Amino acid sequence: MISILPEAVTTAQLHGYLLGAVGPRPIAFASTVDEKGNPNLSPFSFFNVFSANPPILIFSPARRVRDNTTKHTLQNVLLTMEVVINIVNYKMVQQMSLSSTEYGKDVNEFEKSGLTMLPSDIVKPFRVAESPVQFECKVTKVEALGREGGAGNLIFAEVVKVHVDPDVLDENGVIDQRKIDQVARMGGNWYSRANLGLFEVPKPLSSLGIGIDQIPEHIRLSKVLTGNDLGMLGNVEEIPDHKAVEEFVSSHVEIRSIISGGDRGMLEEKAKELLQQNDVLSAWKILLAK
């Protein structure tokens, strides 16, 4: 065994050991608003349910290790004492990941991730319409666990209303664990899909991804591409230019043949195959081909 004293390693190293060992961790996809009603959306894997009576969920936005700053979610919660915690399933995992990009305070992560804002009934923050279960919550307490980078902030969220997609229920009205198809965080880029096992989602760019809202409409409204596909396309720093697209097409006989046949659907299917192989730039070039 390798034995480690926490004070003998950097916070980043200790963070890696903790997240690599403690998992899979459920994901709180937290929606908040600031004092002016501007929305924010961000995922947190320091999360779980801790009580049924009263119904209490707790999640923890940690202070950033690199510069000891706090996240917009924590700032908004302290201002409004309200949050919606949305459950993440596999259908939306790429969009959820894209929303974790550190966009500016004035940027709406719902728009960047292509997710739908759904008004809540009791609290001000919006729900994520695509989420299979959504918890409207009033925050009863925020407990800081420290003041240095890496310190957590426990947000005690009391559930005041629950919304459940009937498609994830079984014949007895109980949530079916196969139908809900939840995902959870592991260490590094790894996730766990509850009914299938491990898969990998590359972290969002350290620079800002363009976001789904910047994808051309004819691609964004595709009936072939899923939300996960669009999430991957939105996580690029810039869209390939016309020259790059032309060079790609000229070197791929199959793509030229599909273009000459005028079958847009086949192009999108080909792009989808490449996205499944994590070849995002080639997928972009196919989708932009004319």
C-alpha atoms as a PDB file:
ATOM      1  CA  MET A   1       0.000   0.000   0.000  1.00  0.00           C
ATOM      2  CA  ILE A   2       1.036   3.586  -0.634  1.00  0.00           C
ATOM      3  CA  SER A   3       0.263   5.639   2.495  1.00  0.00           C
ATOM      4  CA  ILE A   4      -0.372   9.358   2.076  1.00  0.00           C
ATOM      5  CA  LEU A   5      -0.695  12.164   4.599  1.00  0.00           C
ATOM      6  CA  PRO A   6      -3.051  14.839   3.160  1.00  0.00           C
ATOM      7  CA  GLU A   7      -0.673  17.624   4.137  1.00  0.00           C
ATOM      8  CA  ALA A   8       2.200  15.899   2.303  1.00  0.00           C
ATOM      9  CA  VAL A   9       0.677  16.251  -1.178  1.00  0.00           C
ATOM     10  CA  THR A  10      -0.797  19.150  -3.118  1.00  0.00           C
ATOM     11  CA  THR A  11      -4.517  19.825  -2.979  1.00  0.00           C
ATOM     12  CA  ALA A  12      -4.780  18.886  -6.664  1.00  0.00           C
ATOM     13  CA  GLN A  13      -3.114  15.507  -6.013  1.00  0.00           C
ATOM     14  CA  LEU A  14      -5.348  14.804  -3.017  1.00  0.00           C
ATOM     15  CA  HIS A  15      -8.372  15.841  -5.067  1.00  0.00           C
ATOM     16  CA  GLY A  16      -7.390  13.252  -7.683  1.00  0.00           C
ATOM     17  CA  TYR A  17      -7.101  10.467  -5.107  1.00  0.00           C
ATOM     18  CA  LEU A  18     -10.451  11.361  -3.527  1.00  0.00           C
ATOM     19  CA  LEU A  19     -12.379  11.532  -6.795  1.00  0.00           C
ATOM     20  CA  GLY A  20     -10.655   8.489  -8.229  1.00  0.00           C
ATOM     21  CA  ALA A  21     -11.523   6.367  -5.192  1.00  0.00           C
ATOM     22  CA  VAL A  22     -14.946   7.653  -4.135  1.00  0.00           C
ATOM     23  CA  GLY A  23     -17.381   6.823  -6.899  1.00  0.00           C
ATOM     24  CA  PRO A  24     -19.559   6.526  -8.775  1.00  0.00           C
ATOM     25  CA  ARG A  25     -20.955   9.843  -7.555  1.00  0.00           C
ATOM     26  CA  PRO A  26     -24.462  11.051  -8.510  1.00  0.00           C
ATOM     27  CA  ILE A  27     -24.680  14.391 -10.298  1.00  0.00           C
ATOM     28  CA  ALA A  28     -26.630  17.402  -9.087  1.00  0.00           C
ATOM     29  CA  PHE A  29     -27.383  19.461 -12.193  1.00  0.00           C
ATOM     30  CA  ALA A  30     -28.051  22.672 -10.307  1.00  0.00           C
ATOM     31  CA  SER A  31     -30.079  25.532 -11.747  1.00  0.00           C
ATOM     32  CA  THR A  32     -29.977  28.901  -9.988  1.00  0.00           C
ATOM     33  CA  VAL A  33     -30.686  32.559 -10.704  1.00  0.00           C
ATOM     34  CA  ASP A  34     -28.946  35.696  -9.499  1.00  0.00           C
ATOM     35  CA  GLU A  35     -30.642  38.643  -7.822  1.00  0.00           C
ATOM     36  CA  LYS A  36     -31.734  39.947 -11.245  1.00  0.00           C
ATOM     37  CA  GLY A  37     -33.220  36.617 -12.346  1.00  0.00           C
ATOM     38  CA  ASN A  38     -30.381  35.707 -14.742  1.00  0.00           C
ATOM     39  CA  PRO A  39     -30.140  31.886 -15.013  1.00  0.00           C
ATOM     40  CA  ASN A  40     -27.129  29.692 -14.316  1.00  0.00           C
ATOM     41  CA  LEU A  41     -26.744  25.947 -14.810  1.00  0.00           C
ATOM     42  CA  SER A  42     -23.868  23.765 -13.610  1.00  0.00           C
ATOM     43  CA  PRO A  43     -23.236  20.119 -12.564  1.00  0.00           C
ATOM     44  CA  PHE A  44     -21.777  19.002  -9.219  1.00  0.00           C
ATOM     45  CA  SER A  45     -20.790  15.461  -8.261  1.00  0.00           C
ATOM     46  CA  PHE A  46     -20.368  16.145  -4.540  1.00  0.00           C
ATOM     47  CA  PHE A  47     -24.062  15.308  -4.076  1.00  0.00           C
ATOM     48  CA  ASN A  48     -26.556  12.949  -2.476  1.00  0.00           C
ATOM     49  CA  VAL A  49     -29.896  12.617  -0.653  1.00  0.00           C
ATOM     50  CA  PHE A  50     -29.662  12.729   3.145  1.00  0.00           C
ATOM     51  CA  SER A  51     -33.204  12.775   4.512  1.00  0.00           C
ATOM     52  CA  ALA A  52     -36.784  11.937   3.498  1.00  0.00           C
ATOM     53  CA  ASN A  53     -38.619  13.722   6.325  1.00  0.00           C
ATOM     54  CA  PRO A  54     -37.833  16.523   5.782  1.00  0.00           C
ATOM     55  CA  PRO A  55     -36.664  15.763   2.206  1.00  0.00           C
ATOM     56  CA  ILE A  56     -33.111  17.103   2.098  1.00  0.00           C
ATOM     57  CA  LEU A  57     -30.589  16.981  -0.749  1.00  0.00           C
ATOM     58  CA  ILE A  58     -27.044  18.259  -0.186  1.00  0.00           C
ATOM     59  CA  PHE A  59     -24.510  19.240  -2.826  1.00  0.00           C
ATOM     60  CA  SER A  60     -21.216  21.040  -2.524  1.00  0.00           C
ATOM     61  CA  PRO A  61     -19.711  23.590  -4.941  1.00  0.00           C
ATOM     62  CA  ALA A  62     -16.035  23.586  -3.954  1.00  0.00           C
ATOM     63  CA  ARG A  63     -13.784  26.627  -4.097  1.00  0.00           C
ATOM     64  CA  ARG A  64     -11.539  26.419  -7.166  1.00  0.00           C
ATOM     65  CA  VAL A  65      -8.141  24.914  -6.355  1.00  0.00           C
ATOM     66  CA  ARG A  66      -6.194  27.044  -8.821  1.00  0.00           C
ATOM     67  CA  ASP A  67      -7.239  30.507  -7.585  1.00  0.00           C
ATOM     68  CA  ASN A  68      -9.570  30.010  -4.590  1.00  0.00           C
ATOM     69  CA  THR A  69     -12.548  31.640  -6.327  1.00  0.00           C
ATOM     70  CA  THR A  70     -16.164  30.541  -5.852  1.00  0.00           C
ATOM     71  CA  LYS A  71     -18.619  29.398  -8.503  1.00  0.00           C
ATOM     72  CA  HIS A  72     -21.652  31.302  -9.746  1.00  0.00           C
ATOM     73  CA  THR A  73     -23.946  28.605  -8.343  1.00  0.00           C
ATOM     74  CA  LEU A  74     -22.741  29.235  -4.796  1.00  0.00           C
ATOM     75  CA  GLN A  75     -22.929  33.001  -5.251  1.00  0.00           C
ATOM     76  CA  ASN A  76     -26.514  32.750  -6.545  1.00  0.00           C
ATOM     77  CA  VAL A  77     -27.624  30.400  -3.762  1.00  0.00           C
ATOM     78  CA  LEU A  78     -26.318  32.791  -1.121  1.00  0.00           C
ATOM     79  CA  LEU A  79     -28.283  35.595  -2.761  1.00  0.00           C
ATOM     80  CA  THR A  80     -31.601  33.808  -3.334  1.00  0.00           C
ATOM     81  CA  MET A  81     -31.565  30.646  -1.157  1.00  0.00           C
ATOM     82  CA  GLU A  82     -33.265  28.680  -3.945  1.00  0.00           C
ATOM     83  CA  VAL A  83     -32.112  25.970  -6.377  1.00  0.00           C
ATOM     84  CA  VAL A  84     -33.483  23.326  -8.719  1.00  0.00           C
ATOM     85  CA  ILE A  85     -31.574  20.036  -8.727  1.00  0.00           C
ATOM     86  CA  ASN A  86     -32.061  18.147 -11.997  1.00  0.00           C
ATOM     87  CA  ILE A  87     -31.128  14.484 -12.382  1.00  0.00           C
ATOM     88  CA  VAL A  88     -28.840  13.641 -15.311  1.00  0.00           C
ATOM     89  CA  ASN A  89     -29.455  10.672 -17.609  1.00  0.00           C
ATOM     90  CA  TYR A  90     -27.394   9.359 -20.507  1.00  0.00           C
ATOM     91  CA  LYS A  91     -29.380  11.221 -23.167  1.00  0.00           C
ATOM     92  CA  MET A  92     -28.144  14.578 -21.877  1.00  0.00           C
ATOM     93  CA  VAL A  93     -24.668  13.761 -20.557  1.00  0.00           C
ATOM     94  CA  GLN A  94     -22.734  15.595 -23.305  1.00  0.00           C
ATOM     95  CA  GLN A  95     -24.881  18.702 -22.883  1.00  0.00           C
ATOM     96  CA  MET A  96     -24.423  18.527 -19.126  1.00  0.00           C
ATOM     97  CA  SER A  97     -20.664  18.292 -19.606  1.00  0.00           C
ATOM     98  CA  LEU A  98     -20.657  21.289 -21.960  1.00  0.00           C
ATOM     99  CA  SER A  99     -22.526  23.361 -19.355  1.00  0.00           C
ATOM    100  CA  SER A 100     -19.641  22.827 -16.903  1.00  0.00           C
ATOM    101  CA  THR A 101     -17.471  25.109 -19.057  1.00  0.00           C
ATOM    102  CA  GLU A 102     -16.573  28.222 -17.055  1.00  0.00           C
ATOM    103  CA  TYR A 103     -18.532  30.759 -19.084  1.00  0.00           C
ATOM    104  CA  GLY A 104     -18.851  34.329 -17.829  1.00  0.00           C
ATOM    105  CA  LYS A 105     -21.529  35.309 -15.328  1.00  0.00           C
ATOM    106  CA  ASP A 106     -23.628  36.934 -18.055  1.00  0.00           C
ATOM    107  CA  VAL A 107     -23.714  33.766 -20.214  1.00  0.00           C
ATOM    108  CA  ASN A 108     -26.786  31.510 -20.077  1.00  0.00           C
ATOM    109  CA  GLU A 109     -25.594  27.874 -19.859  1.00  0.00           C
ATOM    110  CA  PHE A 110     -29.053  26.653 -20.885  1.00  0.00           C
ATOM    111  CA  GLU A 111     -28.492  28.295 -24.271  1.00  0.00           C
ATOM    112  CA  LYS A 112     -24.872  27.166 -24.563  1.00  0.00           C
ATOM    113  CA  SER A 113     -25.776  23.548 -23.812  1.00  0.00           C
ATOM    114  CA  GLY A 114     -28.959  23.551 -25.897  1.00  0.00           C
ATOM    115  CA  LEU A 115     -31.121  22.554 -22.934  1.00  0.00           C
ATOM    116  CA  THR A 116     -34.655  23.847 -22.379  1.00  0.00           C
ATOM    117  CA  MET A 117     -35.568  26.262 -19.571  1.00  0.00           C
ATOM    118  CA  LEU A 118     -38.807  25.173 -17.910  1.00  0.00           C
ATOM    119  CA  PRO A 119     -40.420  27.527 -15.347  1.00  0.00           C
ATOM    120  CA  SER A 120     -40.651  26.130 -11.836  1.00  0.00           C
ATOM    121  CA  ASP A 121     -43.895  26.225  -9.844  1.00  0.00           C
ATOM    122  CA  ILE A 122     -42.583  27.368  -6.456  1.00  0.00           C
ATOM    123  CA  VAL A 123     -38.995  28.617  -6.794  1.00  0.00           C
ATOM    124  CA  LYS A 124     -37.495  31.108  -9.240  1.00  0.00           C
ATOM    125  CA  PRO A 125     -34.722  28.991 -10.861  1.00  0.00           C
ATOM    126  CA  PHE A 126     -35.695  27.173 -14.043  1.00  0.00           C
ATOM    127  CA  ARG A 127     -35.923  23.400 -14.401  1.00  0.00           C
ATOM    128  CA  VAL A 128     -34.137  21.446 -17.145  1.00  0.00           C
ATOM    129  CA  ALA A 129     -36.992  20.129 -19.285  1.00  0.00           C
ATOM    130  CA  GLU A 130     -34.882  17.219 -20.578  1.00  0.00           C
ATOM    131  CA  SER A 131     -34.120  15.931 -17.057  1.00  0.00           C
ATOM    132  CA  PRO A 132     -36.145  12.853 -16.001  1.00  0.00           C
ATOM    133  CA  VAL A 133     -36.556  14.073 -12.392  1.00  0.00           C
ATOM    134  CA  GLN A 134     -36.429  17.675 -11.189  1.00  0.00           C
ATOM    135  CA  PHE A 135     -36.409  18.841  -7.554  1.00  0.00           C
ATOM    136  CA  GLU A 136     -37.488  22.384  -6.711  1.00  0.00           C
ATOM    137  CA  CYS A 137     -35.684  23.299  -3.486  1.00  0.00           C
ATOM    138  CA  LYS A 138     -35.495  25.974  -0.819  1.00  0.00           C
ATOM    139  CA  VAL A 139     -32.008  26.276   0.673  1.00  0.00           C
ATOM    140  CA  THR A 140     -32.087  25.994   4.470  1.00  0.00           C
ATOM    141  CA  LYS A 141     -28.377  26.292   5.210  1.00  0.00           C
ATOM    142  CA  VAL A 142     -24.998  26.795   3.530  1.00  0.00           C
ATOM    143  CA  GLU A 143     -22.019  25.512   5.490  1.00  0.00           C
ATOM    144  CA  ALA A 144     -18.496  26.439   4.381  1.00  0.00           C
ATOM    145  CA  LEU A 145     -15.973  23.674   5.085  1.00  0.00           C
ATOM    146  CA  GLY A 146     -12.945  25.927   4.697  1.00  0.00           C
ATOM    147  CA  ARG A 147     -11.627  29.091   3.101  1.00  0.00           C
ATOM    148  CA  GLU A 148      -8.817  27.745   0.933  1.00  0.00           C
ATOM    149  CA  GLY A 149      -8.915  26.404  -2.629  1.00  0.00           C
ATOM    150  CA  GLY A 150     -10.610  22.996  -2.749  1.00  0.00           C
ATOM    151  CA  ALA A 151     -12.833  23.636   0.279  1.00  0.00           C
ATOM    152  CA  GLY A 152     -16.440  22.544  -0.116  1.00  0.00           C
ATOM    153  CA  ASN A 153     -19.600  24.469   0.678  1.00  0.00           C
ATOM    154  CA  LEU A 154     -22.457  22.232   1.795  1.00  0.00           C
ATOM    155  CA  ILE A 155     -25.767  23.476   0.398  1.00  0.00           C
ATOM    156  CA  PHE A 156     -28.715  21.980   2.302  1.00  0.00           C
ATOM    157  CA  ALA A 157     -31.616  21.984  -0.173  1.00  0.00           C
ATOM    158  CA  GLU A 158     -35.095  21.104   1.104  1.00  0.00           C
ATOM    159  CA  VAL A 159     -37.310  19.683  -1.628  1.00  0.00           C
ATOM    160  CA  VAL A 160     -40.575  21.611  -1.977  1.00  0.00           C
ATOM    161  CA  LYS A 161     -41.789  20.000  -5.201  1.00  0.00           C
ATOM    162  CA  VAL A 162     -40.781  16.987  -7.305  1.00  0.00           C
ATOM    163  CA  HIS A 163     -41.369  16.572 -11.052  1.00  0.00           C
ATOM    164  CA  VAL A 164     -41.020  13.081 -12.587  1.00  0.00           C
ATOM    165  CA  ASP A 165     -41.188  12.136 -16.266  1.00  0.00           C
ATOM    166  CA  PRO A 166     -43.846   9.370 -16.503  1.00  0.00           C
ATOM    167  CA  ASP A 167     -41.699   7.639 -19.143  1.00  0.00           C
ATOM    168  CA  VAL A 168     -39.272   6.514 -16.406  1.00  0.00           C
ATOM    169  CA  LEU A 169     -41.976   4.900 -14.249  1.00  0.00           C
ATOM    170  CA  ASP A 170     -42.891   1.209 -14.198  1.00  0.00           C
ATOM    171  CA  GLU A 171     -46.428  -0.230 -14.162  1.00  0.00           C
ATOM    172  CA  ASN A 172     -46.626   0.399 -10.395  1.00  0.00           C
ATOM    173  CA  GLY A 173     -45.710   4.074 -10.652  1.00  0.00           C
ATOM    174  CA  VAL A 174     -42.201   3.494  -9.280  1.00  0.00           C
ATOM    175  CA  ILE A 175     -39.071   4.873 -10.953  1.00  0.00           C
ATOM    176  CA  ASP A 176     -37.653   2.087 -13.120  1.00  0.00           C
ATOM    177  CA  GLN A 177     -33.872   2.030 -12.709  1.00  0.00           C
ATOM    178  CA  ARG A 178     -33.348   0.843 -16.285  1.00  0.00           C
ATOM    179  CA  LYS A 179     -35.629   3.443 -17.819  1.00  0.00           C
ATOM    180  CA  ILE A 180     -34.195   6.409 -15.934  1.00  0.00           C
ATOM    181  CA  ASP A 181     -30.727   5.495 -17.319  1.00  0.00           C
ATOM    182  CA  GLN A 182     -28.748   7.626 -14.856  1.00  0.00           C
ATOM    183  CA  VAL A 183     -25.070   8.506 -15.124  1.00  0.00           C
ATOM    184  CA  ALA A 184     -22.555   9.172 -12.365  1.00  0.00           C
ATOM    185  CA  ARG A 185     -19.073  10.652 -12.100  1.00  0.00           C
ATOM    186  CA  MET A 186     -15.889   8.704 -11.610  1.00  0.00           C
ATOM    187  CA  GLY A 187     -12.290   9.983 -11.569  1.00  0.00           C
ATOM    188  CA  GLY A 188     -10.724  11.927 -14.450  1.00  0.00           C
ATOM    189  CA  ASN A 189     -12.874  11.927 -17.592  1.00  0.00           C
ATOM    190  CA  TRP A 190     -14.725   8.775 -16.574  1.00  0.00           C
ATOM    191  CA  TYR A 191     -18.435   8.308 -15.920  1.00  0.00           C
ATOM    192  CA  SER A 192     -20.559   5.304 -15.052  1.00  0.00           C
ATOM    193  CA  ARG A 193     -23.825   4.532 -16.800  1.00  0.00           C
ATOM    194  CA  ALA A 194     -25.951   2.789 -14.185  1.00  0.00           C
ATOM    195  CA  ASN A 195     -27.319   0.081 -16.482  1.00  0.00           C
ATOM    196  CA  LEU A 196     -24.254  -0.480 -18.690  1.00  0.00           C
ATOM    197  CA  GLY A 197     -21.015   0.544 -16.959  1.00  0.00           C
ATOM    198  CA  LEU A 198     -18.026   2.795 -17.674  1.00  0.00           C
ATOM    199  CA  PHE A 199     -17.737   5.317 -20.489  1.00  0.00           C
ATOM    200  CA  GLU A 200     -15.575   8.387 -21.086  1.00  0.00           C
ATOM    201  CA  VAL A 201     -16.535  12.025 -21.691  1.00  0.00           C
ATOM    202  CA  PRO A 202     -13.588  14.312 -22.512  1.00  0.00           C
ATOM    203  CA  LYS A 203     -13.565  17.378 -20.281  1.00  0.00           C
ATOM    204  CA  PRO A 204     -14.781  20.642 -21.839  1.00  0.00           C
ATOM    205  CA  LEU A 205     -12.095  22.824 -23.363  1.00  0.00           C
ATOM    206  CA  SER A 206     -10.040  24.955 -20.991  1.00  0.00           C
ATOM    207  CA  SER A 207     -10.862  27.697 -23.485  1.00  0.00           C
ATOM    208  CA  LEU A 208     -14.562  28.335 -24.105  1.00  0.00           C
ATOM    209  CA  GLY A 209     -16.471  26.004 -26.393  1.00  0.00           C
ATOM    210  CA  ILE A 210     -18.701  27.804 -28.896  1.00  0.00           C
ATOM    211  CA  GLY A 211     -21.845  26.285 -27.375  1.00  0.00           C
ATOM    212  CA  ILE A 212     -24.853  24.718 -29.069  1.00  0.00           C
ATOM    213  CA  ASP A 213     -26.405  28.145 -29.584  1.00  0.00           C
ATOM    214  CA  GLN A 214     -23.632  28.959 -32.109  1.00  0.00           C
ATOM    215  CA  ILE A 215     -24.168  25.840 -34.227  1.00  0.00           C
ATOM    216  CA  PRO A 216     -25.780  26.685 -37.609  1.00  0.00           C
ATOM    217  CA  GLU A 217     -29.531  26.143 -37.535  1.00  0.00           C
ATOM    218  CA  HIS A 218     -29.638  23.471 -40.247  1.00  0.00           C
ATOM    219  CA  ILE A 219     -27.313  21.352 -38.100  1.00  0.00           C
ATOM    220  CA  ARG A 220     -28.876  22.245 -34.747  1.00  0.00           C
ATOM    221  CA  LEU A 221     -32.350  21.211 -35.954  1.00  0.00           C
ATOM    222  CA  SER A 222     -31.171  17.872 -37.408  1.00  0.00           C
ATOM    223  CA  LYS A 223     -33.492  14.914 -36.843  1.00  0.00           C
ATOM    224  CA  VAL A 224     -30.490  12.566 -36.909  1.00  0.00           C
ATOM    225  CA  LEU A 225     -28.206  14.226 -34.354  1.00  0.00           C
ATOM    226  CA  THR A 226     -29.034  13.857 -30.656  1.00  0.00           C
ATOM    227  CA  GLY A 227     -28.502  16.301 -27.806  1.00  0.00           C
ATOM    228  CA  ASN A 228     -25.316  14.416 -26.928  1.00  0.00           C
ATOM    229  CA  ASP A 229     -24.089  14.823 -30.521  1.00  0.00           C
ATOM    230  CA  LEU A 230     -24.800  18.554 -30.437  1.00  0.00           C
ATOM    231  CA  GLY A 231     -23.057  18.810 -27.071  1.00  0.00           C
ATOM    232  CA  MET A 232     -19.892  17.409 -28.618  1.00  0.00           C
ATOM    233  CA  LEU A 233     -20.145  19.763 -31.606  1.00  0.00           C
ATOM    234  CA  GLY A 234     -20.598  22.718 -29.252  1.00  0.00           C
ATOM    235  CA  ASN A 235     -17.433  21.880 -27.358  1.00  0.00           C
ATOM    236  CA  VAL A 236     -15.016  23.228 -29.980  1.00  0.00           C
ATOM    237  CA  GLU A 237     -13.164  26.519 -29.838  1.00  0.00           C
ATOM    238  CA  GLU A 238     -14.057  27.443 -33.412  1.00  0.00           C
ATOM    239  CA  ILE A 239     -15.932  26.018 -36.401  1.00  0.00           C
ATOM    240  CA  PRO A 240     -13.736  24.723 -39.283  1.00  0.00           C
ATOM    241  CA  ASP A 241     -13.400  27.316 -42.027  1.00  0.00           C
ATOM    242  CA  HIS A 242     -14.449  26.941 -45.666  1.00  0.00           C
ATOM    243  CA  LYS A 243     -10.940  25.996 -46.815  1.00  0.00           C
ATOM    244  CA  ALA A 244     -10.627  23.208 -44.224  1.00  0.00           C
ATOM    245  CA  VAL A 245     -14.011  21.814 -45.270  1.00  0.00           C
ATOM    246  CA  GLU A 246     -13.112  21.870 -48.971  1.00  0.00           C
ATOM    247  CA  GLU A 247      -9.796  20.112 -48.339  1.00  0.00           C
ATOM    248  CA  PHE A 248     -11.538  17.436 -46.275  1.00  0.00           C
ATOM    249  CA  VAL A 249     -14.206  16.817 -48.906  1.00  0.00           C
ATOM    250  CA  SER A 250     -11.707  16.692 -51.765  1.00  0.00           C
ATOM    251  CA  SER A 251      -9.738  13.943 -49.994  1.00  0.00           C
ATOM    252  CA  HIS A 252     -12.786  11.747 -49.212  1.00  0.00           C
ATOM    253  CA  VAL A 253     -14.422  10.107 -52.216  1.00  0.00           C
ATOM    254  CA  GLU A 254     -17.282   8.695 -50.150  1.00  0.00           C
ATOM    255  CA  ILE A 255     -18.264  12.144 -48.860  1.00  0.00           C
ATOM    256  CA  ARG A 256     -18.155  13.641 -52.376  1.00  0.00           C
ATOM    257  CA  SER A 257     -20.419  10.831 -53.573  1.00  0.00           C
ATOM    258  CA  ILE A 258     -22.972  11.492 -50.808  1.00  0.00           C
ATOM    259  CA  ILE A 259     -22.933  15.227 -51.560  1.00  0.00           C
ATOM    260  CA  SER A 260     -23.476  14.671 -55.267  1.00  0.00           C
ATOM    261  CA  GLY A 261     -26.435  12.434 -54.421  1.00  0.00           C
ATOM    262  CA  GLY A 262     -28.010  15.242 -52.420  1.00  0.00           C
ATOM    263  CA  ASP A 263     -28.738  13.019 -49.413  1.00  0.00           C
ATOM    264  CA  ARG A 264     -28.366  15.294 -46.388  1.00  0.00           C
ATOM    265  CA  GLY A 265     -29.509  12.539 -44.050  1.00  0.00           C
ATOM    266  CA  MET A 266     -26.633  10.284 -45.104  1.00  0.00           C
ATOM    267  CA  LEU A 267     -24.158  13.081 -44.395  1.00  0.00           C
ATOM    268  CA  GLU A 268     -25.575  13.509 -40.915  1.00  0.00           C
ATOM    269  CA  GLU A 269     -25.463   9.747 -40.280  1.00  0.00           C
ATOM    270  CA  LYS A 270     -21.799   9.716 -41.335  1.00  0.00           C
ATOM    271  CA  ALA A 271     -21.075  12.652 -39.021  1.00  0.00           C
ATOM    272  CA  LYS A 272     -22.845  10.816 -36.207  1.00  0.00           C
ATOM    273  CA  GLU A 273     -20.568   7.795 -36.718  1.00  0.00           C
ATOM    274  CA  LEU A 274     -17.516  10.035 -36.417  1.00  0.00           C
ATOM    275  CA  LEU A 275     -18.852  11.645 -33.256  1.00  0.00           C
ATOM    276  CA  GLN A 276     -19.219   8.186 -31.731  1.00  0.00           C
ATOM    277  CA  GLN A 277     -15.514   7.742 -32.478  1.00  0.00           C
ATOM    278  CA  ASN A 278     -14.766  11.143 -30.841  1.00  0.00           C
ATOM    279  CA  ASP A 279     -13.613  12.582 -34.183  1.00  0.00           C
ATOM    280  CA  VAL A 280     -15.456  15.876 -33.681  1.00  0.00           C
ATOM    281  CA  LEU A 281     -13.575  18.006 -36.225  1.00  0.00           C
ATOM    282  CA  SER A 282     -14.187  15.555 -39.074  1.00  0.00           C
ATOM    283  CA  ALA A 283     -17.853  15.432 -38.133  1.00  0.00           C
ATOM    284  CA  TRP A 284     -17.981  19.219 -38.308  1.00  0.00           C
ATOM    285  CA  LYS A 285     -16.418  19.214 -41.782  1.00  0.00           C
ATOM    286  CA  ILE A 286     -18.954  16.696 -43.074  1.00  0.00           C
ATOM    287  CA  LEU A 287     -21.866  18.668 -41.643  1.00  0.00           C
ATOM    288  CA  LEU A 288     -20.594  21.881 -43.258  1.00  0.00           C
ATOM    289  CA  ALA A 289     -19.985  20.249 -46.643  1.00  0.00           C
ATOM    290  CA  LYS A 290     -22.097  21.408 -49.586  1.00  0.00           C
END
